[in-house]
Amino acid sequence: MASARTIVATATVLLILASAISQSTGQQQTVTSCQQQCYQTYLRLYQYYCKWGTICNYTDYLAQFYMSCYKNCNSYRPTTTTTTTTTTRRPWSQGSQQSSCGVSPVGRIVGGTQASDCEFPWAVVINIGSTFCGGSIVDSNTVVTAAHCVYTTSGGVTNSNRVTVKYGSSNQQWTKIAYVTRVTVHPNFILRYYDYDVAILTLDRYLEFDRCTSAICLPNAEADAFATEGCIAAGWGALQYSNPSAQTNLQKVRLPIVPLNQCQAAFRDTRLISDIKICAGDLRNGGIDSCLGDSGGPLMCSYNGVYYLFGVVSFGRGCATPGYPGVYARVTHTGINNWIRSNM
């Protein structure tokens, strides 16, 4: 049976509020400056309390103070200014994406290796209640993930207030948190076949791009993955199917693209494996693949040193099973590519 690559995670909640401090930062002129001052205040509090042995669970504390800062600074909105710039479009890339998309600052996933910190600054962790998936930043307030990650057992779309995005580091303990205001699932998504297994998360803020936070490029519709320099999948999911535990550090694995007809023959199903999908992995030997918890994460292919989002982790037969490659939503399919662009 094909398995979606979503994993259940547990988390503790540490209720620490310092609203008076964060409210005082609300006098800043912009959302960004307000939040930055608020974050620094909370970091100083964390360092003080941890020193005395009262609070030392950084991850839980981080989530709480980001929420508090967001609530107390959210009355500010970014101002719109008009500027004239000259940009050079990447090969295959079009539309409103910045020309700096897809650039790695560093010059599971089964069978892979640990990524360097910030090696893929568009890769994010998405928490949906008690489950988590991967995703990719495609512009400053838009994340692409798998539709099945945000689909409920009753057949509806998950409420946006249950979804958070962790970004800004390859180590989950050092990520920042953004909240989601809208969850949009591709209108043609069919869970039974994982058709059009793509969703868009609209964030509550515009992310500030830097070395550890940036967007991956979108290829043009029908761009050819076989013409690239190679493809990599990345995620924080399981290292083996029998032990579906999340990883602290982002994992990466280089995967060969499998021709559609070979993938259809492997699964013996031309309805399940159609041109809406792209397959990748070692078809004969297995051993390298995305796995549980990697759903929604990127299959990224490089061209002239620039990464493009060619696939979204969708499903597989186990993980890294010989004879069965991993299956991804094909971002270069016209019906997926145009839809993503129209919802950015």
C-alpha atoms as a PDB file:
ATOM      1  CA  MET A   1       0.000   0.000   0.000  1.00  0.00           C
ATOM      2  CA  ALA A   2       1.238   3.479  -0.816  1.00  0.00           C
ATOM      3  CA  SER A   3       1.920   5.515   2.290  1.00  0.00           C
ATOM      4  CA  ALA A   4       1.728   9.276   2.720  1.00  0.00           C
ATOM      5  CA  ARG A   5       4.851  10.637   4.325  1.00  0.00           C
ATOM      6  CA  THR A   6       3.374  12.399   7.353  1.00  0.00           C
ATOM      7  CA  ILE A   7       4.505  11.742  10.934  1.00  0.00           C
ATOM      8  CA  VAL A   8       2.937  12.272  14.375  1.00  0.00           C
ATOM      9  CA  ALA A   9       5.030  14.322  16.761  1.00  0.00           C
ATOM     10  CA  THR A  10       4.527  15.119  20.422  1.00  0.00           C
ATOM     11  CA  ALA A  11       5.288  18.430  22.051  1.00  0.00           C
ATOM     12  CA  THR A  12       5.027  19.907  25.513  1.00  0.00           C
ATOM     13  CA  VAL A  13       3.620  23.367  26.109  1.00  0.00           C
ATOM     14  CA  LEU A  14       5.381  25.725  28.543  1.00  0.00           C
ATOM     15  CA  LEU A  15       3.046  28.564  29.536  1.00  0.00           C
ATOM     16  CA  ILE A  16       5.301  31.559  30.131  1.00  0.00           C
ATOM     17  CA  LEU A  17       3.849  35.010  29.558  1.00  0.00           C
ATOM     18  CA  ALA A  18       5.528  38.373  29.898  1.00  0.00           C
ATOM     19  CA  SER A  19       2.890  40.482  28.183  1.00  0.00           C
ATOM     20  CA  ALA A  20       3.832  43.724  29.886  1.00  0.00           C
ATOM     21  CA  ILE A  21       7.312  43.576  28.354  1.00  0.00           C
ATOM     22  CA  SER A  22       6.116  42.646  24.887  1.00  0.00           C
ATOM     23  CA  GLN A  23       3.364  45.284  24.999  1.00  0.00           C
ATOM     24  CA  SER A  24       5.944  47.936  25.728  1.00  0.00           C
ATOM     25  CA  THR A  25       7.644  47.096  22.442  1.00  0.00           C
ATOM     26  CA  GLY A  26       4.379  47.844  20.664  1.00  0.00           C
ATOM     27  CA  GLN A  27       5.401  51.485  20.441  1.00  0.00           C
ATOM     28  CA  GLN A  28       7.827  50.655  17.646  1.00  0.00           C
ATOM     29  CA  GLN A  29       7.114  52.114  14.208  1.00  0.00           C
ATOM     30  CA  THR A  30       6.890  48.839  12.271  1.00  0.00           C
ATOM     31  CA  VAL A  31       5.901  45.251  12.833  1.00  0.00           C
ATOM     32  CA  THR A  32       9.462  44.118  12.197  1.00  0.00           C
ATOM     33  CA  SER A  33      11.163  46.490  14.620  1.00  0.00           C
ATOM     34  CA  CYS A  34       8.489  45.785  17.246  1.00  0.00           C
ATOM     35  CA  GLN A  35       8.958  42.035  16.945  1.00  0.00           C
ATOM     36  CA  GLN A  36      12.746  42.210  16.891  1.00  0.00           C
ATOM     37  CA  GLN A  37      12.854  44.210  20.126  1.00  0.00           C
ATOM     38  CA  CYS A  38      10.283  41.891  21.679  1.00  0.00           C
ATOM     39  CA  TYR A  39      12.270  38.795  20.671  1.00  0.00           C
ATOM     40  CA  GLN A  40      15.476  40.224  22.159  1.00  0.00           C
ATOM     41  CA  THR A  41      13.663  40.944  25.421  1.00  0.00           C
ATOM     42  CA  TYR A  42      12.400  37.378  25.649  1.00  0.00           C
ATOM     43  CA  LEU A  43      15.822  35.964  24.799  1.00  0.00           C
ATOM     44  CA  ARG A  44      17.316  37.921  27.685  1.00  0.00           C
ATOM     45  CA  LEU A  45      14.597  36.550  29.984  1.00  0.00           C
ATOM     46  CA  TYR A  46      15.304  33.023  28.779  1.00  0.00           C
ATOM     47  CA  GLN A  47      19.033  33.409  29.384  1.00  0.00           C
ATOM     48  CA  TYR A  48      18.381  34.755  32.888  1.00  0.00           C
ATOM     49  CA  TYR A  49      15.946  32.018  33.930  1.00  0.00           C
ATOM     50  CA  CYS A  50      17.942  29.209  32.368  1.00  0.00           C
ATOM     51  CA  LYS A  51      21.046  30.389  34.208  1.00  0.00           C
ATOM     52  CA  TRP A  52      19.207  29.868  37.482  1.00  0.00           C
ATOM     53  CA  GLY A  53      17.835  26.494  36.428  1.00  0.00           C
ATOM     54  CA  THR A  54      14.190  27.516  36.224  1.00  0.00           C
ATOM     55  CA  ILE A  55      13.596  27.297  32.470  1.00  0.00           C
ATOM     56  CA  CYS A  56      15.806  25.415  30.052  1.00  0.00           C
ATOM     57  CA  ASN A  57      13.466  23.953  27.416  1.00  0.00           C
ATOM     58  CA  TYR A  58      14.426  26.333  24.641  1.00  0.00           C
ATOM     59  CA  THR A  59      12.092  24.972  21.954  1.00  0.00           C
ATOM     60  CA  ASP A  60       8.914  25.294  24.015  1.00  0.00           C
ATOM     61  CA  TYR A  61       9.907  28.692  25.354  1.00  0.00           C
ATOM     62  CA  LEU A  62      10.694  29.877  21.826  1.00  0.00           C
ATOM     63  CA  ALA A  63       7.210  28.996  20.590  1.00  0.00           C
ATOM     64  CA  GLN A  64       5.593  30.851  23.463  1.00  0.00           C
ATOM     65  CA  PHE A  65       7.518  34.074  23.151  1.00  0.00           C
ATOM     66  CA  TYR A  66       7.064  34.239  19.366  1.00  0.00           C
ATOM     67  CA  MET A  67       3.317  33.923  19.829  1.00  0.00           C
ATOM     68  CA  SER A  68       3.294  36.627  22.502  1.00  0.00           C
ATOM     69  CA  CYS A  69       5.395  39.005  20.402  1.00  0.00           C
ATOM     70  CA  TYR A  70       3.192  38.400  17.385  1.00  0.00           C
ATOM     71  CA  LYS A  71      -0.002  39.151  19.293  1.00  0.00           C
ATOM     72  CA  ASN A  72       1.382  42.369  20.759  1.00  0.00           C
ATOM     73  CA  CYS A  73       2.923  43.675  17.534  1.00  0.00           C
ATOM     74  CA  ASN A  74       0.304  42.608  15.010  1.00  0.00           C
ATOM     75  CA  SER A  75      -1.433  45.991  14.912  1.00  0.00           C
ATOM     76  CA  TYR A  76       1.361  47.168  12.641  1.00  0.00           C
ATOM     77  CA  ARG A  77       1.295  46.452   8.922  1.00  0.00           C
ATOM     78  CA  PRO A  78       4.118  46.754   6.412  1.00  0.00           C
ATOM     79  CA  THR A  79       3.938  49.959   4.418  1.00  0.00           C
ATOM     80  CA  THR A  80       4.006  49.775   0.649  1.00  0.00           C
ATOM     81  CA  THR A  81       6.649  51.737  -1.214  1.00  0.00           C
ATOM     82  CA  THR A  82       7.270  51.967  -4.932  1.00  0.00           C
ATOM     83  CA  THR A  83      10.783  51.296  -6.159  1.00  0.00           C
ATOM     84  CA  THR A  84      12.269  50.672  -9.567  1.00  0.00           C
ATOM     85  CA  THR A  85      14.702  47.770  -9.786  1.00  0.00           C
ATOM     86  CA  THR A  86      16.352  45.814 -12.547  1.00  0.00           C
ATOM     87  CA  THR A  87      16.353  42.048 -12.108  1.00  0.00           C
ATOM     88  CA  THR A  88      17.781  39.196 -14.108  1.00  0.00           C
ATOM     89  CA  ARG A  89      15.430  36.260 -14.407  1.00  0.00           C
ATOM     90  CA  ARG A  90      16.758  32.804 -13.775  1.00  0.00           C
ATOM     91  CA  PRO A  91      16.623  30.245 -16.582  1.00  0.00           C
ATOM     92  CA  TRP A  92      13.147  28.610 -16.623  1.00  0.00           C
ATOM     93  CA  SER A  93      11.886  31.001 -13.930  1.00  0.00           C
ATOM     94  CA  GLN A  94       9.250  33.626 -14.525  1.00  0.00           C
ATOM     95  CA  GLY A  95       6.808  35.782 -12.616  1.00  0.00           C
ATOM     96  CA  SER A  96       7.237  37.829  -9.459  1.00  0.00           C
ATOM     97  CA  GLN A  97       9.917  35.825  -7.669  1.00  0.00           C
ATOM     98  CA  GLN A  98      13.076  37.643  -6.626  1.00  0.00           C
ATOM     99  CA  SER A  99      16.136  37.032  -8.818  1.00  0.00           C
ATOM    100  CA  SER A 100      17.980  35.744  -5.744  1.00  0.00           C
ATOM    101  CA  CYS A 101      15.676  32.743  -5.320  1.00  0.00           C
ATOM    102  CA  GLY A 102      17.132  29.247  -5.193  1.00  0.00           C
ATOM    103  CA  VAL A 103      20.627  30.257  -4.072  1.00  0.00           C
ATOM    104  CA  SER A 104      22.176  28.105  -1.342  1.00  0.00           C
ATOM    105  CA  PRO A 105      24.549  30.032   0.977  1.00  0.00           C
ATOM    106  CA  VAL A 106      26.582  26.846   1.406  1.00  0.00           C
ATOM    107  CA  GLY A 107      29.051  26.754  -1.472  1.00  0.00           C
ATOM    108  CA  ARG A 108      14.538  11.822   5.574  1.00  0.00           C
ATOM    109  CA  ILE A 109      15.184  11.037   4.170  1.00  0.00           C
ATOM    110  CA  VAL A 110      16.673   7.540   3.951  1.00  0.00           C
ATOM    111  CA  GLY A 111      20.257   6.942   2.845  1.00  0.00           C
ATOM    112  CA  GLY A 112      21.164  10.624   2.968  1.00  0.00           C
ATOM    113  CA  THR A 113      23.351  12.902   5.049  1.00  0.00           C
ATOM    114  CA  GLN A 114      22.849  15.809   7.394  1.00  0.00           C
ATOM    115  CA  ALA A 115      22.533  19.156   5.630  1.00  0.00           C
ATOM    116  CA  SER A 116      24.751  22.038   6.657  1.00  0.00           C
ATOM    117  CA  ASP A 117      22.993  24.749   8.630  1.00  0.00           C
ATOM    118  CA  CYS A 118      21.044  27.015   6.279  1.00  0.00           C
ATOM    119  CA  GLU A 119      22.107  24.970   3.245  1.00  0.00           C
ATOM    120  CA  PHE A 120      18.528  25.033   1.963  1.00  0.00           C
ATOM    121  CA  PRO A 121      17.091  28.256   3.428  1.00  0.00           C
ATOM    122  CA  TRP A 122      13.668  27.691   1.852  1.00  0.00           C
ATOM    123  CA  ALA A 123      13.086  24.365   3.653  1.00  0.00           C
ATOM    124  CA  VAL A 124      10.583  24.616   6.529  1.00  0.00           C
ATOM    125  CA  VAL A 125       8.878  22.405   9.104  1.00  0.00           C
ATOM    126  CA  ILE A 126       5.095  22.621   9.178  1.00  0.00           C
ATOM    127  CA  ASN A 127       3.260  21.627  12.357  1.00  0.00           C
ATOM    128  CA  ILE A 128      -0.408  20.691  11.929  1.00  0.00           C
ATOM    129  CA  GLY A 129      -1.768  19.898  15.353  1.00  0.00           C
ATOM    130  CA  SER A 130       0.157  16.807  16.489  1.00  0.00           C
ATOM    131  CA  THR A 131       1.512  15.969  13.030  1.00  0.00           C
ATOM    132  CA  PHE A 132       4.227  17.562  10.972  1.00  0.00           C
ATOM    133  CA  CYS A 133       5.327  17.862   7.365  1.00  0.00           C
ATOM    134  CA  GLY A 134       7.875  19.706   5.288  1.00  0.00           C
ATOM    135  CA  GLY A 135       7.432  22.657   2.970  1.00  0.00           C
ATOM    136  CA  SER A 136       9.214  25.219   0.810  1.00  0.00           C
ATOM    137  CA  ILE A 137       9.214  29.010   0.909  1.00  0.00           C
ATOM    138  CA  VAL A 138       8.382  30.323  -2.580  1.00  0.00           C
ATOM    139  CA  ASP A 139       8.039  33.990  -1.682  1.00  0.00           C
ATOM    140  CA  SER A 140       8.181  36.094   1.467  1.00  0.00           C
ATOM    141  CA  ASN A 141       4.756  35.064   2.775  1.00  0.00           C
ATOM    142  CA  THR A 142       3.968  31.873   0.816  1.00  0.00           C
ATOM    143  CA  VAL A 143       4.888  28.251   1.547  1.00  0.00           C
ATOM    144  CA  VAL A 144       4.177  25.258  -0.702  1.00  0.00           C
ATOM    145  CA  THR A 145       3.476  21.875   0.906  1.00  0.00           C
ATOM    146  CA  ALA A 146       1.505  18.681   0.205  1.00  0.00           C
ATOM    147  CA  ALA A 147      -2.280  18.827   0.188  1.00  0.00           C
ATOM    148  CA  HIS A 148      -2.574  15.569   2.162  1.00  0.00           C
ATOM    149  CA  CYS A 149      -0.658  17.229   5.020  1.00  0.00           C
ATOM    150  CA  VAL A 150      -3.455  19.747   5.606  1.00  0.00           C
ATOM    151  CA  TYR A 151      -6.404  17.480   4.803  1.00  0.00           C
ATOM    152  CA  THR A 152      -8.493  16.227   7.702  1.00  0.00           C
ATOM    153  CA  THR A 153      -9.760  12.670   8.167  1.00  0.00           C
ATOM    154  CA  SER A 154     -13.285  13.982   7.603  1.00  0.00           C
ATOM    155  CA  GLY A 155     -12.323  15.244   4.158  1.00  0.00           C
ATOM    156  CA  GLY A 156     -11.967  18.956   4.882  1.00  0.00           C
ATOM    157  CA  VAL A 157      -9.104  21.418   4.985  1.00  0.00           C
ATOM    158  CA  THR A 158      -7.330  21.991   8.300  1.00  0.00           C
ATOM    159  CA  ASN A 159      -8.150  25.282  10.015  1.00  0.00           C
ATOM    160  CA  SER A 160      -5.262  27.720   9.582  1.00  0.00           C
ATOM    161  CA  ASN A 161      -5.051  28.382  13.336  1.00  0.00           C
ATOM    162  CA  ARG A 162      -3.805  24.807  13.806  1.00  0.00           C
ATOM    163  CA  VAL A 163      -0.867  25.319  11.436  1.00  0.00           C
ATOM    164  CA  THR A 164       2.540  26.859  12.208  1.00  0.00           C
ATOM    165  CA  VAL A 165       5.683  27.143  10.098  1.00  0.00           C
ATOM    166  CA  LYS A 166       9.202  26.805  11.520  1.00  0.00           C
ATOM    167  CA  TYR A 167      11.892  28.434   9.425  1.00  0.00           C
ATOM    168  CA  GLY A 168      15.344  30.016   9.538  1.00  0.00           C
ATOM    169  CA  SER A 169      17.579  27.070  10.470  1.00  0.00           C
ATOM    170  CA  SER A 170      18.369  23.467   9.553  1.00  0.00           C
ATOM    171  CA  ASN A 171      18.214  22.653  13.285  1.00  0.00           C
ATOM    172  CA  GLN A 172      14.652  22.546  14.608  1.00  0.00           C
ATOM    173  CA  GLN A 173      15.784  23.858  17.993  1.00  0.00           C
ATOM    174  CA  TRP A 174      16.888  27.155  16.432  1.00  0.00           C
ATOM    175  CA  THR A 175      14.052  27.839  14.026  1.00  0.00           C
ATOM    176  CA  LYS A 176      11.746  30.847  14.140  1.00  0.00           C
ATOM    177  CA  ILE A 177       7.973  30.495  14.023  1.00  0.00           C
ATOM    178  CA  ALA A 178       5.433  32.035  11.657  1.00  0.00           C
ATOM    179  CA  TYR A 179       1.684  31.588  11.835  1.00  0.00           C
ATOM    180  CA  VAL A 180      -0.670  30.811   8.965  1.00  0.00           C
ATOM    181  CA  THR A 181      -3.667  32.932   7.956  1.00  0.00           C
ATOM    182  CA  ARG A 182      -4.912  30.836   5.045  1.00  0.00           C
ATOM    183  CA  VAL A 183      -4.630  27.225   3.865  1.00  0.00           C
ATOM    184  CA  THR A 184      -5.405  26.666   0.178  1.00  0.00           C
ATOM    185  CA  VAL A 185      -5.577  23.166  -1.303  1.00  0.00           C
ATOM    186  CA  HIS A 186      -5.405  22.561  -5.047  1.00  0.00           C
ATOM    187  CA  PRO A 187      -9.032  22.313  -6.247  1.00  0.00           C
ATOM    188  CA  ASN A 188      -8.301  19.090  -8.165  1.00  0.00           C
ATOM    189  CA  PHE A 189      -6.701  17.265  -5.242  1.00  0.00           C
ATOM    190  CA  ILE A 190      -7.872  13.634  -4.934  1.00  0.00           C
ATOM    191  CA  LEU A 191      -6.614  11.940  -1.782  1.00  0.00           C
ATOM    192  CA  ARG A 192      -7.204   8.403  -3.074  1.00  0.00           C
ATOM    193  CA  TYR A 193      -4.701   8.887  -5.903  1.00  0.00           C
ATOM    194  CA  TYR A 194      -2.661  11.786  -4.454  1.00  0.00           C
ATOM    195  CA  ASP A 195      -3.519  13.735  -7.592  1.00  0.00           C
ATOM    196  CA  TYR A 196      -2.541  17.422  -7.453  1.00  0.00           C
ATOM    197  CA  ASP A 197      -1.087  16.840  -3.990  1.00  0.00           C
ATOM    198  CA  VAL A 198      -0.172  20.479  -3.440  1.00  0.00           C
ATOM    199  CA  ALA A 199      -1.288  23.145  -0.976  1.00  0.00           C
ATOM    200  CA  ILE A 200      -0.313  26.743  -0.274  1.00  0.00           C
ATOM    201  CA  LEU A 201       0.072  28.299   3.165  1.00  0.00           C
ATOM    202  CA  THR A 202      -0.235  32.078   3.392  1.00  0.00           C
ATOM    203  CA  LEU A 203       1.770  33.402   6.333  1.00  0.00           C
ATOM    204  CA  ASP A 204       0.804  36.075   8.840  1.00  0.00           C
ATOM    205  CA  ARG A 205       3.853  38.155   7.973  1.00  0.00           C
ATOM    206  CA  TYR A 206       6.399  38.897   5.293  1.00  0.00           C
ATOM    207  CA  LEU A 207       9.562  37.004   6.146  1.00  0.00           C
ATOM    208  CA  GLU A 208      12.811  38.933   6.136  1.00  0.00           C
ATOM    209  CA  PHE A 209      15.118  37.134   3.750  1.00  0.00           C
ATOM    210  CA  ASP A 210      18.703  36.565   4.825  1.00  0.00           C
ATOM    211  CA  ARG A 211      21.327  33.829   4.681  1.00  0.00           C
ATOM    212  CA  CYS A 212      19.056  31.337   6.459  1.00  0.00           C
ATOM    213  CA  THR A 213      15.673  32.408   5.076  1.00  0.00           C
ATOM    214  CA  SER A 214      14.960  32.741   1.368  1.00  0.00           C
ATOM    215  CA  ALA A 215      12.768  31.374  -1.441  1.00  0.00           C
ATOM    216  CA  ILE A 216      13.375  28.538  -3.840  1.00  0.00           C
ATOM    217  CA  CYS A 217      12.802  29.292  -7.533  1.00  0.00           C
ATOM    218  CA  LEU A 218       9.782  27.961  -9.387  1.00  0.00           C
ATOM    219  CA  PRO A 219      10.589  26.413 -12.762  1.00  0.00           C
ATOM    220  CA  ASN A 220       8.510  27.200 -15.808  1.00  0.00           C
ATOM    221  CA  ALA A 221       5.716  24.814 -16.661  1.00  0.00           C
ATOM    222  CA  GLU A 222       6.987  21.687 -18.451  1.00  0.00           C
ATOM    223  CA  ALA A 223      10.664  22.375 -17.665  1.00  0.00           C
ATOM    224  CA  ASP A 224      12.622  19.122 -17.952  1.00  0.00           C
ATOM    225  CA  ALA A 225      14.130  17.668 -14.776  1.00  0.00           C
ATOM    226  CA  PHE A 226      16.428  15.499 -16.882  1.00  0.00           C
ATOM    227  CA  ALA A 227      18.083  18.671 -18.220  1.00  0.00           C
ATOM    228  CA  THR A 228      19.169  19.775 -14.740  1.00  0.00           C
ATOM    229  CA  GLU A 229      22.453  19.142 -12.930  1.00  0.00           C
ATOM    230  CA  GLY A 230      20.807  16.789 -10.440  1.00  0.00           C
ATOM    231  CA  CYS A 231      18.058  16.665  -7.832  1.00  0.00           C
ATOM    232  CA  ILE A 232      17.965  16.544  -4.017  1.00  0.00           C
ATOM    233  CA  ALA A 233      15.184  15.846  -1.532  1.00  0.00           C
ATOM    234  CA  ALA A 234      15.376  17.284   1.981  1.00  0.00           C
ATOM    235  CA  GLY A 235      13.382  16.869   5.173  1.00  0.00           C
ATOM    236  CA  TRP A 236      13.293  16.255   8.907  1.00  0.00           C
ATOM    237  CA  GLY A 237      11.443  12.918   8.587  1.00  0.00           C
ATOM    238  CA  ALA A 238      12.293   9.347   9.492  1.00  0.00           C
ATOM    239  CA  LEU A 239      15.609   7.726   8.622  1.00  0.00           C
ATOM    240  CA  GLN A 240      13.898   4.362   8.238  1.00  0.00           C
ATOM    241  CA  TYR A 241      10.311   3.230   7.762  1.00  0.00           C
ATOM    242  CA  SER A 242      10.351   0.984  10.841  1.00  0.00           C
ATOM    243  CA  ASN A 243      11.368   3.861  13.135  1.00  0.00           C
ATOM    244  CA  PRO A 244       9.223   6.882  12.220  1.00  0.00           C
ATOM    245  CA  SER A 245      10.823   9.467  14.482  1.00  0.00           C
ATOM    246  CA  ALA A 246      11.512  13.084  13.574  1.00  0.00           C
ATOM    247  CA  GLN A 247      15.041  14.391  13.160  1.00  0.00           C
ATOM    248  CA  THR A 248      16.438  17.469  14.861  1.00  0.00           C
ATOM    249  CA  ASN A 249      18.621  18.337  11.876  1.00  0.00           C
ATOM    250  CA  LEU A 250      17.593  18.605   8.240  1.00  0.00           C
ATOM    251  CA  GLN A 251      18.606  15.602   6.133  1.00  0.00           C
ATOM    252  CA  LYS A 252      19.329  15.606   2.396  1.00  0.00           C
ATOM    253  CA  VAL A 253      19.703  12.938  -0.270  1.00  0.00           C
ATOM    254  CA  ARG A 254      20.601  13.125  -3.954  1.00  0.00           C
ATOM    255  CA  LEU A 255      18.067  11.240  -6.076  1.00  0.00           C
ATOM    256  CA  PRO A 256      18.039  10.253  -9.748  1.00  0.00           C
ATOM    257  CA  ILE A 257      14.836  11.069 -11.628  1.00  0.00           C
ATOM    258  CA  VAL A 258      12.950   7.962 -12.809  1.00  0.00           C
ATOM    259  CA  PRO A 259      11.197   8.156 -16.213  1.00  0.00           C
ATOM    260  CA  LEU A 260       7.403   8.138 -15.977  1.00  0.00           C
ATOM    261  CA  ASN A 261       6.950   4.876 -17.885  1.00  0.00           C
ATOM    262  CA  GLN A 262       9.406   3.076 -15.592  1.00  0.00           C
ATOM    263  CA  CYS A 263       7.653   4.441 -12.507  1.00  0.00           C
ATOM    264  CA  GLN A 264       4.269   3.310 -13.858  1.00  0.00           C
ATOM    265  CA  ALA A 265       5.691  -0.156 -14.501  1.00  0.00           C
ATOM    266  CA  ALA A 266       7.128  -0.296 -10.973  1.00  0.00           C
ATOM    267  CA  PHE A 267       3.772   0.492  -9.337  1.00  0.00           C
ATOM    268  CA  ARG A 268       1.827  -1.425 -12.028  1.00  0.00           C
ATOM    269  CA  ASP A 269      -0.690   1.412 -12.030  1.00  0.00           C
ATOM    270  CA  THR A 270      -1.040   4.043 -14.739  1.00  0.00           C
ATOM    271  CA  ARG A 271      -3.928   5.708 -12.870  1.00  0.00           C
ATOM    272  CA  LEU A 272      -1.961   6.232  -9.653  1.00  0.00           C
ATOM    273  CA  ILE A 273       1.235   7.213 -11.468  1.00  0.00           C
ATOM    274  CA  SER A 274       0.341   9.838 -14.074  1.00  0.00           C
ATOM    275  CA  ASP A 275       2.041  12.893 -15.555  1.00  0.00           C
ATOM    276  CA  ILE A 276       0.837  14.891 -12.545  1.00  0.00           C
ATOM    277  CA  LYS A 277       3.645  13.142 -10.640  1.00  0.00           C
ATOM    278  CA  ILE A 278       7.413  12.885 -10.887  1.00  0.00           C
ATOM    279  CA  CYS A 279       9.312   9.908  -9.485  1.00  0.00           C
ATOM    280  CA  ALA A 280      12.810   9.819  -8.011  1.00  0.00           C
ATOM    281  CA  GLY A 281      15.069   7.261  -6.335  1.00  0.00           C
ATOM    282  CA  ASP A 282      17.229   4.225  -7.040  1.00  0.00           C
ATOM    283  CA  LEU A 283      14.662   2.078  -8.841  1.00  0.00           C
ATOM    284  CA  ARG A 284      16.728  -1.107  -8.808  1.00  0.00           C
ATOM    285  CA  ASN A 285      18.489  -1.045  -5.436  1.00  0.00           C
ATOM    286  CA  GLY A 286      16.407   1.273  -3.264  1.00  0.00           C
ATOM    287  CA  GLY A 287      18.224   2.577  -0.185  1.00  0.00           C
ATOM    288  CA  ILE A 288      17.705   6.310  -0.874  1.00  0.00           C
ATOM    289  CA  ASP A 289      14.358   8.043  -0.557  1.00  0.00           C
ATOM    290  CA  SER A 290      12.189  10.496   1.309  1.00  0.00           C
ATOM    291  CA  CYS A 291      10.196   8.927   4.148  1.00  0.00           C
ATOM    292  CA  LEU A 292       7.610   9.439   6.899  1.00  0.00           C
ATOM    293  CA  GLY A 293       7.580  13.075   7.984  1.00  0.00           C
ATOM    294  CA  ASP A 294       9.080  14.366   4.736  1.00  0.00           C
ATOM    295  CA  SER A 295       5.692  14.900   3.063  1.00  0.00           C
ATOM    296  CA  GLY A 296       5.353  18.364   1.550  1.00  0.00           C
ATOM    297  CA  GLY A 297       9.101  18.945   1.442  1.00  0.00           C
ATOM    298  CA  PRO A 298      11.057  19.856  -1.676  1.00  0.00           C
ATOM    299  CA  LEU A 299      12.457  17.799  -4.508  1.00  0.00           C
ATOM    300  CA  MET A 300      14.831  20.466  -5.817  1.00  0.00           C
ATOM    301  CA  CYS A 301      16.879  20.340  -8.969  1.00  0.00           C
ATOM    302  CA  SER A 302      19.770  22.674  -9.741  1.00  0.00           C
ATOM    303  CA  TYR A 303      20.720  24.471 -12.920  1.00  0.00           C
ATOM    304  CA  ASN A 304      23.767  26.746 -13.072  1.00  0.00           C
ATOM    305  CA  GLY A 305      23.997  26.455  -9.296  1.00  0.00           C
ATOM    306  CA  VAL A 306      20.410  27.644  -8.716  1.00  0.00           C
ATOM    307  CA  TYR A 307      17.766  25.382  -7.149  1.00  0.00           C
ATOM    308  CA  TYR A 308      14.272  24.990  -8.587  1.00  0.00           C
ATOM    309  CA  LEU A 309      11.282  23.307  -6.936  1.00  0.00           C
ATOM    310  CA  PHE A 310      10.506  20.395  -9.262  1.00  0.00           C
ATOM    311  CA  GLY A 311       8.550  18.216  -6.845  1.00  0.00           C
ATOM    312  CA  VAL A 312       6.656  18.090  -3.547  1.00  0.00           C
ATOM    313  CA  VAL A 313       7.102  14.912  -1.453  1.00  0.00           C
ATOM    314  CA  SER A 314       3.854  12.947  -1.759  1.00  0.00           C
ATOM    315  CA  PHE A 315       3.920   9.168  -1.191  1.00  0.00           C
ATOM    316  CA  GLY A 316       5.782   5.888  -1.687  1.00  0.00           C
ATOM    317  CA  ARG A 317       5.724   2.147  -1.111  1.00  0.00           C
ATOM    318  CA  GLY A 318       7.355   2.067   2.297  1.00  0.00           C
ATOM    319  CA  CYS A 319      10.613   4.032   2.202  1.00  0.00           C
ATOM    320  CA  ALA A 320      13.599   3.329  -0.068  1.00  0.00           C
ATOM    321  CA  THR A 321      12.099  -0.042  -1.057  1.00  0.00           C
ATOM    322  CA  PRO A 322      13.939  -1.682  -3.990  1.00  0.00           C
ATOM    323  CA  GLY A 323      11.799  -1.515  -7.107  1.00  0.00           C
ATOM    324  CA  TYR A 324       9.713   1.460  -5.897  1.00  0.00           C
ATOM    325  CA  PRO A 325      10.885   5.067  -6.260  1.00  0.00           C
ATOM    326  CA  GLY A 326       9.431   7.913  -4.231  1.00  0.00           C
ATOM    327  CA  VAL A 327       6.550   9.822  -5.815  1.00  0.00           C
ATOM    328  CA  TYR A 328       6.272  13.615  -5.841  1.00  0.00           C
ATOM    329  CA  ALA A 329       3.695  16.125  -7.052  1.00  0.00           C
ATOM    330  CA  ARG A 330       5.184  17.488 -10.282  1.00  0.00           C
ATOM    331  CA  VAL A 331       5.504  21.273  -9.941  1.00  0.00           C
ATOM    332  CA  THR A 332       6.247  21.657 -13.663  1.00  0.00           C
ATOM    333  CA  HIS A 333       2.838  20.221 -14.578  1.00  0.00           C
ATOM    334  CA  THR A 334       0.889  23.129 -16.095  1.00  0.00           C
ATOM    335  CA  GLY A 335      -2.122  22.610 -13.841  1.00  0.00           C
ATOM    336  CA  ILE A 336       0.062  22.740 -10.720  1.00  0.00           C
ATOM    337  CA  ASN A 337       2.562  25.364 -11.858  1.00  0.00           C
ATOM    338  CA  ASN A 338      -0.052  27.901 -12.955  1.00  0.00           C
ATOM    339  CA  TRP A 339      -2.102  27.313  -9.823  1.00  0.00           C
ATOM    340  CA  ILE A 340       0.848  27.957  -7.498  1.00  0.00           C
ATOM    341  CA  ARG A 341       1.728  31.173  -9.330  1.00  0.00           C
ATOM    342  CA  SER A 342      -1.858  32.415  -9.232  1.00  0.00           C
ATOM    343  CA  ASN A 343      -2.009  31.921  -5.446  1.00  0.00           C
ATOM    344  CA  MET A 344       1.305  33.555  -4.505  1.00  0.00           C
END
